Amino acid sequence: MSDNIANSEVQAHRMLVGNPDWYDIQSANQFNLLTTLGLREDHYLLDIGCGSLRTGRLFMPYLLPEHYYGLEIQDWLIQEGIDREIGQSSIDLKKPIFSYDKNFTLTSFDQKFDFLLAHSIFSHTPEYEVRKCMKEAAKVMKPNAIFAATYWPGSVSSTDKSWMVRAEFRAEHMREMVEDAGLEFRPIQWKQHDLQSWFLVLHKDNELEIPDMGDVSRMVFLEEQLKLTEDQLYTIRNHPWVRLGHKIKYVFVWLKLLKQLGKFRKGSIKKYIGMRYDYVSKTIAGWFSQPSEKTKIDK
């Protein structure tokens, strides 16, 4: 079996829930969102469409035992996630509860939830499935629960009656479906790699103080840009010609300093330049003979 075939088999459970190259960053993105919104270890979380436990593998260790609930129509996909991502020992320790219901029957768990998550679910479902999910969510959400979900915004809502590769909804249409279930629709700004939009579903009489997600998202963006700039600066500063320029600059600084101190006598400049030339030559030879270690960037 070739390495490519072996790798494709290992990645199959990841490919079925989206771009496998984003498997890690998508899970981290969702985990960061919910913890920013206030998720703590003693909260009850319902992961709608938990798939191969892309995000469940982060939530399970974080939450207390029997606090992670997953809804997935493909039971074998959950098992793949257990076998390839977290291991049976984690399941035995954290005791997650799973349901394989195909009709968004969220009440089947007989549990009220503090947080609900539906990542890239409404981007594939027809309208009647979205409406059903919202009505079921209203029944299982605690008074101050937060339901975070994504969808693909479009100028025209999709009209197909079955699951589709890409379902789009107008923002006002999505709002209407949420409010029709007696809930509040609140769009938020949160970075999403596949350009879906995030929104929150809340009880209308909630007493929550939702943080300004736009500020959080901008902060994350600025941190990423800072890291990129630091990497670029490191590359520039450690280029051989730039490092040579710094060494030459130091030579002239010393020459100027010695001249100002009046320490030059006849022939001393020639002798000093010769010494510095030997030093610079050996330094350059050392750069090209072995890689330099990464030095800390001055802030």
Protein backbone atom coordinates (compact mmCIF):
# COMPACT_ATOMS: atom_id res chain seq x y z
CA MET A 1 0.00 0.00 0.00
CA SER A 2 1.44 3.36 -0.99
CA ASP A 3 1.84 6.22 1.46
CA ASN A 4 -0.73 8.26 -0.47
CA ILE A 5 -3.37 5.55 -0.24
CA ALA A 6 -2.68 4.96 3.43
CA ASN A 7 -2.91 8.67 4.15
CA SER A 8 -6.20 9.01 2.25
CA GLU A 9 -7.71 6.21 4.31
CA VAL A 10 -6.58 7.82 7.55
CA GLN A 11 -8.01 11.16 6.42
CA ALA A 12 -11.36 9.82 5.17
CA HIS A 13 -13.21 10.58 8.40
CA ARG A 14 -11.84 14.13 8.21
CA MET A 15 -12.70 14.65 4.54
CA LEU A 16 -16.35 13.73 5.18
CA VAL A 17 -16.85 16.72 7.49
CA GLY A 18 -15.10 19.35 5.36
CA ASN A 19 -11.67 20.37 4.12
CA PRO A 20 -9.21 18.05 5.94
CA ASP A 21 -6.57 20.79 5.88
CA TRP A 22 -8.86 22.86 8.10
CA TYR A 23 -9.81 20.03 10.46
CA ASP A 24 -7.65 21.38 13.28
CA ILE A 25 -8.23 25.10 12.82
CA GLN A 26 -12.00 24.72 12.44
CA SER A 27 -12.23 22.82 15.71
CA ALA A 28 -10.05 25.39 17.49
CA ASN A 29 -12.15 28.20 16.01
CA GLN A 30 -15.38 26.72 17.40
CA PHE A 31 -13.83 25.95 20.78
CA ASN A 32 -12.49 29.51 21.07
CA LEU A 33 -15.86 30.96 20.12
CA LEU A 34 -17.83 29.09 22.77
CA THR A 35 -15.30 29.71 25.53
CA THR A 36 -15.28 33.40 24.58
CA LEU A 37 -19.07 33.35 24.89
CA GLY A 38 -18.74 31.90 28.38
CA LEU A 39 -18.63 28.10 28.09
CA ARG A 40 -17.24 26.55 31.28
CA GLU A 41 -16.56 22.97 32.34
CA ASP A 42 -19.82 22.54 34.27
CA HIS A 43 -22.03 23.60 31.34
CA TYR A 44 -24.02 21.18 29.24
CA LEU A 45 -23.21 21.34 25.52
CA LEU A 46 -25.14 19.88 22.59
CA ASP A 47 -23.04 19.49 19.43
CA ILE A 48 -25.52 19.18 16.54
CA GLY A 49 -23.94 17.26 13.66
CA CYS A 50 -20.89 16.25 15.70
CA GLY A 51 -19.58 14.07 12.83
CA SER A 52 -16.16 12.52 13.44
CA LEU A 53 -15.76 14.59 16.62
CA ARG A 54 -13.73 17.31 14.94
CA THR A 55 -14.70 19.71 17.73
CA GLY A 56 -15.86 17.09 20.22
CA ARG A 57 -12.23 16.01 20.72
CA LEU A 58 -11.59 19.45 22.27
CA PHE A 59 -14.85 19.87 24.15
CA MET A 60 -14.85 16.44 25.81
CA PRO A 61 -11.59 16.88 27.77
CA TYR A 62 -12.68 20.40 28.75
CA LEU A 63 -16.16 19.56 30.04
CA LEU A 64 -17.03 17.48 33.07
CA PRO A 65 -18.13 13.87 32.49
CA GLU A 66 -21.60 13.46 30.94
CA HIS A 67 -21.70 17.14 29.91
CA TYR A 68 -20.95 16.69 26.19
CA TYR A 69 -23.87 15.59 24.00
CA GLY A 70 -23.54 14.84 20.30
CA LEU A 71 -26.22 14.46 17.63
CA GLU A 72 -25.19 12.70 14.41
CA ILE A 73 -27.15 10.67 11.86
CA GLN A 74 -24.11 8.54 10.92
CA ASP A 75 -23.18 6.39 13.91
CA TRP A 76 -20.14 4.93 12.12
CA LEU A 77 -18.70 8.43 11.66
CA ILE A 78 -18.68 9.00 15.41
CA GLN A 79 -16.96 5.65 15.87
CA GLU A 80 -14.30 6.69 13.35
CA GLY A 81 -13.70 9.82 15.39
CA ILE A 82 -13.36 7.77 18.55
CA ASP A 83 -10.97 5.28 16.94
CA ARG A 84 -8.79 7.83 15.11
CA GLU A 85 -8.99 11.05 17.11
CA ILE A 86 -9.59 10.58 20.85
CA GLY A 87 -9.54 6.88 21.75
CA GLN A 88 -11.95 4.75 23.74
CA SER A 89 -10.24 5.67 27.03
CA SER A 90 -11.44 9.28 26.64
CA ILE A 91 -14.98 8.04 26.08
CA ASP A 92 -14.79 5.86 29.19
CA LEU A 93 -13.50 8.81 31.23
CA LYS A 94 -15.78 11.61 29.98
CA LYS A 95 -18.89 9.52 29.23
CA PRO A 96 -20.36 11.61 26.36
CA ILE A 97 -23.95 10.96 25.31
CA PHE A 98 -24.74 10.44 21.62
CA SER A 99 -27.95 10.25 19.63
CA TYR A 100 -28.29 9.09 16.01
CA ASP A 101 -31.66 10.71 15.38
CA LYS A 102 -32.27 11.84 11.79
CA ASN A 103 -35.03 14.34 12.55
CA PHE A 104 -33.37 16.93 14.83
CA THR A 105 -35.24 15.52 17.82
CA LEU A 106 -33.17 17.40 20.38
CA THR A 107 -35.62 16.54 23.14
CA SER A 108 -34.59 12.87 22.86
CA PHE A 109 -31.73 13.57 25.30
CA ASP A 110 -34.14 14.62 28.08
CA GLN A 111 -31.65 17.34 29.01
CA LYS A 112 -31.60 21.15 29.09
CA PHE A 113 -28.49 22.76 27.61
CA ASP A 114 -26.39 25.84 28.36
CA PHE A 115 -24.81 25.84 24.90
CA LEU A 116 -25.77 24.41 21.52
CA LEU A 117 -23.53 24.32 18.44
CA ALA A 118 -24.46 23.74 14.80
CA HIS A 119 -21.41 24.33 12.64
CA SER A 120 -21.95 23.90 8.88
CA ILE A 121 -25.33 22.22 9.35
CA PHE A 122 -27.74 24.85 8.03
CA SER A 123 -25.37 25.27 5.08
CA HIS A 124 -26.72 21.94 3.80
CA THR A 125 -30.27 21.65 5.13
CA PRO A 126 -33.56 22.66 3.47
CA GLU A 127 -35.78 25.30 5.05
CA TYR A 128 -38.15 22.92 6.82
CA GLU A 129 -35.20 21.22 8.59
CA VAL A 130 -33.91 24.60 9.84
CA ARG A 131 -37.37 25.47 11.19
CA LYS A 132 -37.70 22.11 12.91
CA CYS A 133 -34.28 22.43 14.53
CA MET A 134 -35.12 25.90 15.86
CA LYS A 135 -38.39 24.72 17.38
CA GLU A 136 -36.63 21.77 19.00
CA ALA A 137 -33.86 24.05 20.28
CA ALA A 138 -36.40 26.32 21.97
CA LYS A 139 -37.53 23.32 24.03
CA VAL A 140 -34.08 22.29 25.29
CA MET A 141 -32.38 25.67 25.79
CA LYS A 142 -31.99 26.90 29.36
CA PRO A 143 -33.24 30.49 29.98
CA ASN A 144 -29.78 31.99 29.32
CA ALA A 145 -28.59 29.38 26.83
CA ILE A 146 -26.57 30.31 23.74
CA PHE A 147 -27.03 28.50 20.43
CA ALA A 148 -24.17 29.29 18.01
CA ALA A 149 -24.61 28.32 14.36
CA THR A 150 -23.36 29.05 10.85
CA TYR A 151 -25.00 29.41 7.44
CA TRP A 152 -24.08 30.56 3.97
CA PRO A 153 -25.69 33.96 3.31
CA GLY A 154 -27.05 34.46 -0.17
CA SER A 155 -29.10 36.95 -2.17
CA VAL A 156 -31.74 34.23 -2.71
CA SER A 157 -32.67 31.44 -0.33
CA SER A 158 -32.32 27.83 -1.52
CA THR A 159 -35.62 26.09 -2.23
CA ASP A 160 -34.54 22.43 -2.45
CA LYS A 161 -36.51 20.05 -0.24
CA SER A 162 -33.62 17.73 0.64
CA TRP A 163 -30.05 17.99 1.94
CA MET A 164 -27.78 19.76 -0.54
CA VAL A 165 -24.09 20.44 -1.10
CA ARG A 166 -24.56 24.17 -0.51
CA ALA A 167 -27.69 25.71 0.94
CA GLU A 168 -27.89 29.49 1.06
CA PHE A 169 -30.35 31.71 2.92
CA ARG A 170 -30.97 35.41 2.95
CA ALA A 171 -30.09 36.90 6.34
CA GLU A 172 -33.65 38.13 6.82
CA HIS A 173 -35.00 34.70 5.93
CA MET A 174 -32.78 33.07 8.55
CA ARG A 175 -33.90 35.67 11.08
CA GLU A 176 -37.54 34.96 10.29
CA MET A 177 -37.07 31.20 10.78
CA VAL A 178 -35.42 31.76 14.16
CA GLU A 179 -38.02 34.26 15.35
CA ASP A 180 -40.83 32.01 14.17
CA ALA A 181 -39.67 29.58 16.88
CA GLY A 182 -40.00 32.34 19.49
CA LEU A 183 -36.24 32.94 19.67
CA GLU A 184 -33.93 35.88 19.06
CA PHE A 185 -31.58 36.01 16.05
CA ARG A 186 -28.30 37.83 16.62
CA PRO A 187 -25.58 37.89 13.92
CA ILE A 188 -21.97 38.11 15.12
CA GLN A 189 -18.58 38.72 13.55
CA TRP A 190 -16.32 35.70 13.99
CA LYS A 191 -13.66 34.48 11.59
CA GLN A 192 -14.71 31.48 9.48
CA HIS A 193 -12.37 29.89 6.92
CA ASP A 194 -15.09 28.80 4.46
CA LEU A 195 -16.79 32.24 4.57
CA GLN A 196 -19.95 31.07 6.31
CA SER A 197 -21.53 33.55 8.72
CA TRP A 198 -22.02 32.97 12.43
CA PHE A 199 -25.14 33.89 14.36
CA LEU A 200 -26.45 33.34 17.88
CA VAL A 201 -29.89 32.07 18.86
CA LEU A 202 -31.14 33.22 22.27
CA HIS A 203 -34.32 33.29 24.29
CA LYS A 204 -35.94 36.70 23.85
CA ASP A 205 -36.06 37.32 27.60
CA ASN A 206 -32.42 36.37 28.16
CA GLU A 207 -30.26 38.35 30.61
CA LEU A 208 -26.96 37.72 28.85
CA GLU A 209 -24.19 40.24 28.26
CA ILE A 210 -22.72 39.02 24.98
CA PRO A 211 -19.17 40.33 24.39
CA ASP A 212 -18.52 42.39 21.29
CA MET A 213 -17.43 39.57 18.99
CA GLY A 214 -16.30 42.08 16.37
CA ASP A 215 -13.62 43.34 18.77
CA VAL A 216 -12.56 39.77 19.57
CA SER A 217 -12.37 38.86 15.89
CA ARG A 218 -10.35 41.96 15.09
CA MET A 219 -7.98 41.18 17.98
CA VAL A 220 -7.41 37.67 16.63
CA PHE A 221 -6.77 39.12 13.16
CA LEU A 222 -4.27 41.65 14.53
CA GLU A 223 -2.45 38.94 16.47
CA GLU A 224 -2.16 36.87 13.29
CA GLN A 225 -0.82 39.88 11.39
CA LEU A 226 1.67 40.58 14.18
CA LYS A 227 2.96 37.00 14.01
CA LEU A 228 3.27 37.26 10.22
CA THR A 229 5.17 40.53 10.49
CA GLU A 230 7.52 39.08 13.12
CA ASP A 231 8.29 36.11 10.86
CA GLN A 232 8.97 38.43 7.93
CA LEU A 233 11.21 40.62 10.08
CA TYR A 234 13.16 37.58 11.25
CA THR A 235 13.68 36.45 7.65
CA ILE A 236 14.93 39.89 6.64
CA ARG A 237 17.23 40.35 9.62
CA ASN A 238 18.82 36.92 9.16
CA HIS A 239 19.48 37.23 5.45
CA PRO A 240 23.27 36.90 4.91
CA TRP A 241 23.60 40.24 3.09
CA VAL A 242 21.64 42.08 5.78
CA ARG A 243 23.81 40.54 8.49
CA LEU A 244 26.93 41.51 6.52
CA GLY A 245 25.62 45.06 6.32
CA HIS A 246 25.24 45.17 10.10
CA LYS A 247 28.84 43.97 10.56
CA ILE A 248 30.18 46.57 8.14
CA LYS A 249 28.17 49.24 9.93
CA TYR A 250 29.80 48.28 13.22
CA VAL A 251 33.27 48.57 11.61
CA PHE A 252 32.62 52.17 10.58
CA VAL A 253 31.13 52.97 13.98
CA TRP A 254 34.30 51.75 15.66
CA LEU A 255 36.52 53.63 13.21
CA LYS A 256 34.63 56.82 13.90
CA LEU A 257 34.80 56.25 17.64
CA LEU A 258 38.53 55.55 17.62
CA LYS A 259 39.17 58.60 15.48
CA GLN A 260 37.22 60.77 17.87
CA LEU A 261 39.23 59.42 20.79
CA GLY A 262 42.40 60.39 19.00
CA LYS A 263 43.84 56.89 19.15
CA PHE A 264 44.86 56.69 15.52
CA ARG A 265 48.52 56.85 14.74
CA LYS A 266 50.28 56.31 11.48
CA GLY A 267 49.41 52.89 10.09
CA SER A 268 46.88 52.07 12.82
CA ILE A 269 43.89 52.48 10.50
CA LYS A 270 45.34 50.00 8.03
CA LYS A 271 46.12 47.54 10.82
CA TYR A 272 42.64 47.90 12.36
CA ILE A 273 40.85 47.46 9.03
CA GLY A 274 42.88 44.33 8.37
CA MET A 275 41.83 42.87 11.73
CA ARG A 276 38.16 43.66 11.14
CA TYR A 277 38.37 42.27 7.58
CA ASP A 278 39.62 38.93 8.92
CA TYR A 279 36.84 38.88 11.51
CA VAL A 280 34.10 39.68 8.98
CA SER A 281 35.46 37.09 6.50
CA LYS A 282 35.40 34.32 9.11
CA THR A 283 31.92 35.34 10.22
CA ILE A 284 30.54 35.19 6.68
CA ALA A 285 32.18 31.82 6.10
CA GLY A 286 30.50 30.54 9.25
CA TRP A 287 27.06 31.67 8.05
CA PHE A 288 27.29 29.64 4.87
CA SER A 289 28.85 26.57 6.49
CA GLN A 290 26.04 25.96 9.04
CA PRO A 291 22.55 27.40 9.62
CA SER A 292 22.23 30.11 12.22
CA GLU A 293 19.98 29.72 15.23
CA LYS A 294 16.84 31.81 15.37
CA THR A 295 17.39 34.77 17.62
CA LYS A 296 14.70 36.60 19.52
CA ILE A 297 13.27 39.59 17.70
CA ASP A 298 13.58 42.90 19.50
CA LYS A 299 10.10 44.18 20.27
